[in-house]
């Protein structure tokens, strides 16, 4: 990262059971996306199958090149033991952008939804149990909701 490239975007990443949860908020530039991707790689399980929950309820948007990095992150995850990714989108507009820029729906292991309850139910049905009570980023999500709001 060059000195003038500040990170834009906020996130938290935690492993709960076999689910790697990434909650993110705001506008992401390339530097923010790459920093989040590096932490994602570091925290991913190396010794067992896992799933990913990408909680983007408070994501505003990303640059086009950052969206391509999301596609690289998805491809890396599937090549490194991830069996499913469930992505919570903040709006139908974001869904259109993600579909267009990342070809996300071309992979049946990639699932899109619009709320945490549905995401937990979907992960559980896929064999990666996660309850609302086990979601570790409640304080971060509440702060993001107050700051960015929910657009869904």
N, C-alpha and C. Protein backbone atom coordinates (compact mmCIF):
# COMPACT_ATOMS: atom_id res chain seq x y z
N UNK A 1 0.85 -1.18 0.00
CA UNK A 1 0.00 0.00 0.00
C UNK A 1 0.89 1.24 0.00
N UNK A 2 0.58 2.17 -0.85
CA UNK A 2 1.34 3.41 -0.92
C UNK A 2 0.91 4.34 0.20
N UNK A 3 1.78 5.25 0.64
CA UNK A 3 1.49 6.10 1.80
C UNK A 3 0.20 6.91 1.69
N UNK A 4 -0.18 7.30 0.50
CA UNK A 4 -1.39 8.11 0.34
C UNK A 4 -2.66 7.26 0.19
N UNK A 5 -2.53 5.96 0.19
CA UNK A 5 -3.68 5.08 0.06
C UNK A 5 -4.20 4.68 1.44
N UNK A 6 -5.11 5.45 1.93
CA UNK A 6 -5.72 5.13 3.22
C UNK A 6 -6.77 4.04 3.03
N UNK A 7 -6.94 3.25 4.06
CA UNK A 7 -7.95 2.20 4.04
C UNK A 7 -9.33 2.83 4.22
N UNK A 8 -10.23 2.49 3.31
CA UNK A 8 -11.63 2.89 3.43
C UNK A 8 -12.45 1.61 3.58
N UNK A 9 -13.33 1.62 4.56
CA UNK A 9 -14.14 0.46 4.89
C UNK A 9 -13.78 -0.04 6.28
N UNK A 10 -14.76 -0.63 6.95
CA UNK A 10 -14.56 -1.16 8.29
C UNK A 10 -15.04 -2.61 8.30
N UNK A 11 -14.43 -3.45 9.15
CA UNK A 11 -14.83 -4.84 9.20
C UNK A 11 -14.39 -5.48 10.51
N UNK A 12 -15.01 -6.62 10.79
CA UNK A 12 -14.59 -7.54 11.84
C UNK A 12 -14.69 -8.94 11.25
N UNK A 13 -13.75 -9.80 11.64
CA UNK A 13 -13.75 -11.18 11.16
C UNK A 13 -13.56 -12.09 12.36
N UNK A 14 -14.45 -13.09 12.48
CA UNK A 14 -14.38 -14.05 13.59
C UNK A 14 -14.74 -15.43 13.08
N UNK A 15 -14.18 -16.44 13.74
CA UNK A 15 -14.52 -17.82 13.44
C UNK A 15 -15.43 -18.34 14.54
N UNK A 16 -16.62 -18.81 14.16
CA UNK A 16 -17.58 -19.41 15.10
C UNK A 16 -17.84 -20.82 14.60
N UNK A 17 -17.36 -21.80 15.34
CA UNK A 17 -17.46 -23.18 14.87
C UNK A 17 -16.70 -23.32 13.57
N UNK A 18 -17.40 -23.72 12.52
CA UNK A 18 -16.79 -23.85 11.19
C UNK A 18 -17.29 -22.77 10.24
N UNK A 19 -17.72 -21.63 10.80
CA UNK A 19 -18.21 -20.52 9.98
C UNK A 19 -17.30 -19.31 10.21
N UNK A 20 -16.66 -18.85 9.15
CA UNK A 20 -15.85 -17.64 9.20
C UNK A 20 -16.75 -16.47 8.86
N UNK A 21 -16.95 -15.60 9.85
CA UNK A 21 -17.91 -14.50 9.72
C UNK A 21 -17.15 -13.20 9.48
N UNK A 22 -17.51 -12.54 8.39
CA UNK A 22 -16.92 -11.25 8.04
C UNK A 22 -18.05 -10.24 7.97
N UNK A 23 -18.04 -9.29 8.90
CA UNK A 23 -19.05 -8.23 8.91
C UNK A 23 -18.34 -6.95 8.48
N UNK A 24 -18.91 -6.27 7.50
CA UNK A 24 -18.23 -5.09 6.97
C UNK A 24 -19.21 -3.96 6.72
N UNK A 25 -18.67 -2.73 6.71
CA UNK A 25 -19.52 -1.55 6.61
C UNK A 25 -18.79 -0.43 5.87
N UNK A 26 -19.58 0.43 5.24
CA UNK A 26 -19.03 1.62 4.59
C UNK A 26 -18.64 1.39 3.15
N UNK A 27 -17.89 2.36 2.63
CA UNK A 27 -17.36 2.30 1.27
C UNK A 27 -15.97 1.71 1.31
N UNK A 28 -15.70 0.76 0.44
CA UNK A 28 -14.39 0.11 0.39
C UNK A 28 -13.62 0.56 -0.84
N UNK A 29 -12.37 0.92 -0.61
CA UNK A 29 -11.45 1.14 -1.71
C UNK A 29 -10.57 -0.10 -1.85
N UNK A 30 -9.62 -0.06 -2.76
CA UNK A 30 -8.75 -1.22 -2.96
C UNK A 30 -7.95 -1.56 -1.71
N UNK A 31 -7.40 -0.54 -1.04
CA UNK A 31 -6.59 -0.78 0.16
C UNK A 31 -7.41 -1.44 1.26
N UNK A 32 -8.63 -1.00 1.47
CA UNK A 32 -9.50 -1.61 2.48
C UNK A 32 -9.87 -3.03 2.13
N UNK A 33 -10.17 -3.27 0.87
CA UNK A 33 -10.54 -4.61 0.43
C UNK A 33 -9.36 -5.57 0.59
N UNK A 34 -8.18 -5.13 0.21
CA UNK A 34 -6.99 -5.99 0.33
C UNK A 34 -6.66 -6.29 1.80
N UNK A 35 -6.77 -5.30 2.67
CA UNK A 35 -6.50 -5.53 4.10
C UNK A 35 -7.51 -6.51 4.69
N UNK A 36 -8.78 -6.37 4.32
CA UNK A 36 -9.81 -7.29 4.79
C UNK A 36 -9.54 -8.71 4.25
N UNK A 37 -9.16 -8.80 3.00
CA UNK A 37 -8.86 -10.09 2.36
C UNK A 37 -7.70 -10.78 3.08
N UNK A 38 -6.65 -10.03 3.42
CA UNK A 38 -5.50 -10.62 4.13
C UNK A 38 -5.91 -11.18 5.49
N UNK A 39 -6.73 -10.44 6.23
CA UNK A 39 -7.20 -10.94 7.52
C UNK A 39 -8.09 -12.17 7.35
N UNK A 40 -8.93 -12.14 6.33
CA UNK A 40 -9.80 -13.27 6.00
C UNK A 40 -8.96 -14.53 5.77
N UNK A 41 -7.90 -14.40 4.99
CA UNK A 41 -7.02 -15.55 4.71
C UNK A 41 -6.35 -16.05 5.98
N UNK A 42 -5.91 -15.15 6.84
CA UNK A 42 -5.23 -15.53 8.07
C UNK A 42 -6.16 -16.29 9.02
N UNK A 43 -7.42 -15.90 9.08
CA UNK A 43 -8.35 -16.48 10.05
C UNK A 43 -9.11 -17.69 9.53
N UNK A 44 -9.00 -17.97 8.25
CA UNK A 44 -9.72 -19.12 7.67
C UNK A 44 -9.16 -20.42 8.24
N UNK A 45 -10.04 -21.39 8.55
CA UNK A 45 -9.56 -22.70 9.01
C UNK A 45 -8.67 -23.35 7.95
N UNK A 46 -7.63 -24.00 8.41
CA UNK A 46 -6.70 -24.65 7.48
C UNK A 46 -6.83 -26.17 7.52
N UNK A 47 -7.58 -26.69 8.51
CA UNK A 47 -7.56 -28.13 8.77
C UNK A 47 -8.92 -28.81 8.65
N UNK A 48 -9.92 -28.10 8.15
CA UNK A 48 -11.25 -28.69 8.08
C UNK A 48 -12.13 -27.89 7.10
N UNK A 49 -13.22 -28.49 6.63
CA UNK A 49 -14.17 -27.76 5.79
C UNK A 49 -14.81 -26.62 6.59
N UNK A 50 -15.14 -25.56 5.91
CA UNK A 50 -15.74 -24.41 6.57
C UNK A 50 -16.66 -23.68 5.60
N UNK A 51 -17.44 -22.75 6.16
CA UNK A 51 -18.32 -21.90 5.37
C UNK A 51 -18.03 -20.46 5.75
N UNK A 52 -18.46 -19.56 4.92
CA UNK A 52 -18.24 -18.14 5.16
C UNK A 52 -19.58 -17.41 5.17
N UNK A 53 -19.72 -16.53 6.15
CA UNK A 53 -20.84 -15.59 6.19
C UNK A 53 -20.26 -14.21 5.94
N UNK A 54 -20.64 -13.59 4.84
CA UNK A 54 -20.23 -12.23 4.52
C UNK A 54 -21.42 -11.32 4.83
N UNK A 55 -21.37 -10.68 5.99
CA UNK A 55 -22.48 -9.82 6.43
C UNK A 55 -22.24 -8.41 5.91
N UNK A 56 -22.87 -8.11 4.79
CA UNK A 56 -22.72 -6.81 4.15
C UNK A 56 -23.93 -5.91 4.32
N UNK A 57 -24.69 -6.07 5.38
CA UNK A 57 -25.89 -5.25 5.57
C UNK A 57 -25.58 -3.76 5.62
N UNK A 58 -24.35 -3.40 5.99
CA UNK A 58 -23.99 -1.99 6.16
C UNK A 58 -22.93 -1.55 5.16
N UNK A 59 -22.74 -2.39 4.14
CA UNK A 59 -21.80 -2.08 3.07
C UNK A 59 -22.45 -1.05 2.16
N UNK A 60 -21.72 0.01 1.86
CA UNK A 60 -22.26 1.03 0.96
C UNK A 60 -21.90 0.72 -0.48
N UNK A 61 -20.61 0.51 -0.77
CA UNK A 61 -20.21 0.14 -2.13
C UNK A 61 -18.70 -0.02 -2.15
N UNK A 62 -18.18 -0.44 -3.29
CA UNK A 62 -16.75 -0.63 -3.52
C UNK A 62 -16.41 -0.14 -4.91
N UNK A 63 -15.13 0.15 -5.10
CA UNK A 63 -14.67 0.47 -6.44
C UNK A 63 -14.78 -0.78 -7.30
N UNK A 64 -14.77 -0.60 -8.61
CA UNK A 64 -14.87 -1.75 -9.51
C UNK A 64 -13.69 -2.70 -9.30
N UNK A 65 -12.49 -2.16 -9.10
CA UNK A 65 -11.34 -3.04 -8.88
C UNK A 65 -11.44 -3.77 -7.55
N UNK A 66 -12.03 -3.11 -6.53
CA UNK A 66 -12.23 -3.79 -5.25
C UNK A 66 -13.24 -4.92 -5.40
N UNK A 67 -14.26 -4.72 -6.23
CA UNK A 67 -15.23 -5.80 -6.47
C UNK A 67 -14.54 -7.00 -7.12
N UNK A 68 -13.55 -6.76 -7.96
CA UNK A 68 -12.81 -7.87 -8.56
C UNK A 68 -12.01 -8.61 -7.49
N UNK A 69 -11.52 -7.88 -6.49
CA UNK A 69 -10.81 -8.52 -5.38
C UNK A 69 -11.77 -9.40 -4.59
N UNK A 70 -13.04 -8.98 -4.44
CA UNK A 70 -14.04 -9.83 -3.78
C UNK A 70 -14.17 -11.16 -4.54
N UNK A 71 -14.14 -11.09 -5.86
CA UNK A 71 -14.21 -12.31 -6.66
C UNK A 71 -12.98 -13.19 -6.38
N UNK A 72 -11.81 -12.58 -6.28
CA UNK A 72 -10.59 -13.33 -5.95
C UNK A 72 -10.71 -13.95 -4.56
N UNK A 73 -11.30 -13.21 -3.62
CA UNK A 73 -11.47 -13.72 -2.26
C UNK A 73 -12.38 -14.94 -2.28
N UNK A 74 -13.46 -14.86 -3.04
CA UNK A 74 -14.38 -15.99 -3.17
C UNK A 74 -13.67 -17.19 -3.77
N UNK A 75 -12.92 -16.98 -4.84
CA UNK A 75 -12.20 -18.08 -5.48
C UNK A 75 -11.16 -18.68 -4.54
N UNK A 76 -10.45 -17.83 -3.78
CA UNK A 76 -9.47 -18.32 -2.82
C UNK A 76 -10.16 -19.17 -1.76
N UNK A 77 -11.28 -18.69 -1.25
CA UNK A 77 -12.01 -19.43 -0.21
C UNK A 77 -12.38 -20.83 -0.70
N UNK A 78 -12.97 -20.91 -1.89
CA UNK A 78 -13.38 -22.22 -2.41
C UNK A 78 -12.19 -23.14 -2.68
N UNK A 79 -11.05 -22.58 -3.02
CA UNK A 79 -9.85 -23.39 -3.25
C UNK A 79 -9.17 -23.81 -1.94
N UNK A 80 -9.63 -23.24 -0.81
CA UNK A 80 -8.98 -23.49 0.48
C UNK A 80 -9.94 -24.00 1.54
N UNK A 81 -10.85 -24.87 1.15
CA UNK A 81 -11.69 -25.58 2.11
C UNK A 81 -13.06 -25.01 2.39
N UNK A 82 -13.37 -23.83 1.85
CA UNK A 82 -14.70 -23.26 2.05
C UNK A 82 -15.69 -24.00 1.16
N UNK A 83 -16.78 -24.45 1.75
CA UNK A 83 -17.78 -25.19 0.98
C UNK A 83 -18.95 -24.32 0.54
N UNK A 84 -19.24 -23.26 1.29
CA UNK A 84 -20.35 -22.36 0.94
C UNK A 84 -20.03 -20.96 1.44
N UNK A 85 -20.50 -19.97 0.68
CA UNK A 85 -20.46 -18.58 1.12
C UNK A 85 -21.89 -18.06 1.08
N UNK A 86 -22.32 -17.51 2.20
CA UNK A 86 -23.62 -16.85 2.27
C UNK A 86 -23.33 -15.36 2.45
N UNK A 87 -23.81 -14.56 1.52
CA UNK A 87 -23.54 -13.12 1.49
C UNK A 87 -24.84 -12.39 1.77
N UNK A 88 -24.87 -11.60 2.85
CA UNK A 88 -26.03 -10.76 3.15
C UNK A 88 -25.81 -9.41 2.47
N UNK A 89 -26.71 -9.07 1.58
CA UNK A 89 -26.63 -7.81 0.85
C UNK A 89 -27.56 -6.77 1.46
N UNK A 90 -27.19 -5.49 1.38
CA UNK A 90 -28.04 -4.46 1.98
C UNK A 90 -29.24 -4.06 1.12
N UNK A 91 -29.22 -4.38 -0.18
CA UNK A 91 -30.34 -3.98 -1.04
C UNK A 91 -30.32 -4.79 -2.34
N UNK A 92 -31.41 -4.70 -3.06
CA UNK A 92 -31.48 -5.35 -4.37
C UNK A 92 -30.55 -4.68 -5.37
N UNK A 93 -30.31 -3.39 -5.20
CA UNK A 93 -29.35 -2.68 -6.05
C UNK A 93 -27.96 -3.30 -5.89
N UNK A 94 -27.54 -3.55 -4.64
CA UNK A 94 -26.24 -4.18 -4.39
C UNK A 94 -26.19 -5.58 -5.01
N UNK A 95 -27.31 -6.28 -4.98
CA UNK A 95 -27.36 -7.62 -5.58
C UNK A 95 -27.07 -7.55 -7.07
N UNK A 96 -27.65 -6.58 -7.74
CA UNK A 96 -27.42 -6.41 -9.18
C UNK A 96 -25.94 -6.14 -9.45
N UNK A 97 -25.34 -5.26 -8.64
CA UNK A 97 -23.93 -4.92 -8.82
C UNK A 97 -23.05 -6.16 -8.58
N UNK A 98 -23.30 -6.89 -7.49
CA UNK A 98 -22.50 -8.07 -7.17
C UNK A 98 -22.65 -9.11 -8.27
N UNK A 99 -23.86 -9.34 -8.74
CA UNK A 99 -24.07 -10.31 -9.81
C UNK A 99 -23.33 -9.91 -11.08
N UNK A 100 -23.42 -8.64 -11.43
CA UNK A 100 -22.82 -8.15 -12.67
C UNK A 100 -21.29 -8.14 -12.60
N UNK A 101 -20.74 -7.69 -11.49
CA UNK A 101 -19.29 -7.50 -11.40
C UNK A 101 -18.52 -8.74 -10.99
N UNK A 102 -19.16 -9.71 -10.34
CA UNK A 102 -18.41 -10.86 -9.83
C UNK A 102 -18.91 -12.19 -10.37
N UNK A 103 -19.93 -12.21 -11.16
CA UNK A 103 -20.52 -13.45 -11.66
C UNK A 103 -20.79 -14.43 -10.50
N UNK A 104 -21.23 -13.88 -9.38
CA UNK A 104 -21.41 -14.66 -8.15
C UNK A 104 -22.38 -15.82 -8.32
N UNK A 105 -23.43 -15.61 -9.05
CA UNK A 105 -24.46 -16.65 -9.12
C UNK A 105 -24.10 -17.80 -10.05
N UNK A 106 -22.95 -17.70 -10.71
CA UNK A 106 -22.54 -18.82 -11.57
C UNK A 106 -22.02 -19.99 -10.74
N UNK A 107 -21.82 -19.80 -9.45
CA UNK A 107 -21.31 -20.86 -8.58
C UNK A 107 -22.40 -21.25 -7.58
N UNK A 108 -22.86 -22.51 -7.60
CA UNK A 108 -23.95 -22.93 -6.71
C UNK A 108 -23.56 -22.94 -5.22
N UNK A 109 -22.30 -22.75 -4.92
CA UNK A 109 -21.88 -22.68 -3.51
C UNK A 109 -22.00 -21.28 -2.95
N UNK A 110 -22.40 -20.34 -3.78
CA UNK A 110 -22.51 -18.93 -3.39
C UNK A 110 -23.98 -18.58 -3.25
N UNK A 111 -24.37 -18.07 -2.08
CA UNK A 111 -25.78 -17.83 -1.77
C UNK A 111 -25.97 -16.37 -1.35
N UNK A 112 -26.97 -15.72 -1.89
CA UNK A 112 -27.26 -14.33 -1.56
C UNK A 112 -28.56 -14.24 -0.76
N UNK A 113 -28.57 -13.37 0.23
CA UNK A 113 -29.79 -13.12 0.99
C UNK A 113 -29.76 -11.68 1.52
N UNK A 114 -30.80 -11.29 2.28
CA UNK A 114 -30.92 -9.90 2.69
C UNK A 114 -31.03 -9.69 4.20
N UNK A 115 -30.96 -10.75 5.00
CA UNK A 115 -31.00 -10.54 6.46
C UNK A 115 -30.25 -11.65 7.19
N UNK A 116 -29.87 -11.33 8.42
CA UNK A 116 -29.06 -12.25 9.21
C UNK A 116 -29.81 -13.52 9.57
N UNK A 117 -31.09 -13.41 9.87
CA UNK A 117 -31.87 -14.59 10.24
C UNK A 117 -31.89 -15.62 9.10
N UNK A 118 -32.14 -15.15 7.88
CA UNK A 118 -32.15 -16.05 6.72
C UNK A 118 -30.76 -16.63 6.49
N UNK A 119 -29.71 -15.83 6.66
CA UNK A 119 -28.34 -16.31 6.46
C UNK A 119 -28.01 -17.43 7.45
N UNK A 120 -28.38 -17.25 8.73
CA UNK A 120 -28.13 -18.28 9.74
C UNK A 120 -28.90 -19.56 9.39
N UNK A 121 -30.14 -19.42 8.99
CA UNK A 121 -30.95 -20.59 8.62
C UNK A 121 -30.35 -21.29 7.41
N UNK A 122 -29.88 -20.52 6.44
CA UNK A 122 -29.30 -21.12 5.23
C UNK A 122 -28.00 -21.86 5.57
N UNK A 123 -27.13 -21.25 6.37
CA UNK A 123 -25.89 -21.93 6.77
C UNK A 123 -26.19 -23.22 7.53
N UNK A 124 -27.15 -23.15 8.43
CA UNK A 124 -27.53 -24.33 9.22
C UNK A 124 -28.03 -25.43 8.30
N UNK A 125 -28.88 -25.08 7.33
CA UNK A 125 -29.40 -26.08 6.38
C UNK A 125 -28.29 -26.68 5.53
N UNK A 126 -27.22 -25.92 5.31
CA UNK A 126 -26.10 -26.40 4.51
C UNK A 126 -25.10 -27.23 5.32
N UNK A 127 -25.40 -27.40 6.63
CA UNK A 127 -24.53 -28.22 7.48
C UNK A 127 -23.51 -27.44 8.28
N UNK A 128 -23.67 -26.11 8.35
CA UNK A 128 -22.77 -25.26 9.11
C UNK A 128 -23.62 -24.43 10.08
N UNK A 129 -23.99 -25.05 11.21
CA UNK A 129 -24.92 -24.40 12.13
C UNK A 129 -24.42 -23.05 12.66
N UNK A 130 -25.31 -22.08 12.60
CA UNK A 130 -25.04 -20.76 13.17
C UNK A 130 -26.37 -20.19 13.64
N UNK A 131 -26.41 -19.74 14.89
CA UNK A 131 -27.63 -19.13 15.42
C UNK A 131 -27.44 -17.62 15.53
N UNK A 132 -28.54 -16.90 15.62
CA UNK A 132 -28.47 -15.46 15.83
C UNK A 132 -27.71 -15.14 17.12
N UNK A 133 -27.90 -15.96 18.14
CA UNK A 133 -27.24 -15.74 19.43
C UNK A 133 -25.72 -15.93 19.34
N UNK A 134 -25.26 -16.74 18.42
CA UNK A 134 -23.82 -17.00 18.27
C UNK A 134 -23.12 -15.96 17.39
N UNK A 135 -23.90 -15.11 16.73
CA UNK A 135 -23.31 -14.09 15.86
C UNK A 135 -22.43 -13.16 16.70
N UNK A 136 -21.12 -13.06 16.40
CA UNK A 136 -20.19 -12.38 17.30
C UNK A 136 -20.04 -10.87 17.10
N UNK A 137 -20.65 -10.32 16.07
CA UNK A 137 -20.39 -8.92 15.74
C UNK A 137 -21.57 -7.99 16.02
N UNK A 138 -22.36 -8.33 17.03
CA UNK A 138 -23.56 -7.55 17.33
C UNK A 138 -23.22 -6.08 17.63
N UNK A 139 -22.21 -5.84 18.45
CA UNK A 139 -21.85 -4.46 18.80
C UNK A 139 -21.36 -3.70 17.56
N UNK A 140 -20.52 -4.34 16.74
CA UNK A 140 -20.04 -3.72 15.51
C UNK A 140 -21.22 -3.42 14.58
N UNK A 141 -22.13 -4.38 14.43
CA UNK A 141 -23.29 -4.20 13.55
C UNK A 141 -24.18 -3.07 14.05
N UNK A 142 -24.37 -2.98 15.35
CA UNK A 142 -25.21 -1.90 15.90
C UNK A 142 -24.56 -0.54 15.66
N UNK A 143 -23.26 -0.46 15.86
CA UNK A 143 -22.54 0.80 15.58
C UNK A 143 -22.66 1.16 14.10
N UNK A 144 -22.48 0.18 13.22
CA UNK A 144 -22.59 0.41 11.78
C UNK A 144 -24.01 0.82 11.41
N UNK A 145 -25.01 0.19 12.02
CA UNK A 145 -26.41 0.54 11.74
C UNK A 145 -26.67 2.00 12.10
N UNK A 146 -26.16 2.42 13.25
CA UNK A 146 -26.36 3.82 13.67
C UNK A 146 -25.65 4.78 12.72
N UNK A 147 -24.47 4.40 12.27
CA UNK A 147 -23.67 5.29 11.42
C UNK A 147 -24.10 5.25 9.95
N UNK A 148 -24.30 4.05 9.42
CA UNK A 148 -24.58 3.90 8.00
C UNK A 148 -26.05 3.64 7.68
N UNK A 149 -26.79 3.09 8.66
CA UNK A 149 -28.18 2.73 8.43
C UNK A 149 -28.29 1.45 7.62
N UNK A 150 -29.47 0.88 7.60
CA UNK A 150 -29.73 -0.30 6.78
C UNK A 150 -30.51 0.18 5.58
N UNK A 151 -30.06 -0.22 4.40
CA UNK A 151 -30.75 0.21 3.19
C UNK A 151 -31.69 -0.86 2.66
N UNK A 152 -31.69 -2.04 3.26
CA UNK A 152 -32.57 -3.11 2.78
C UNK A 152 -33.98 -2.90 3.27
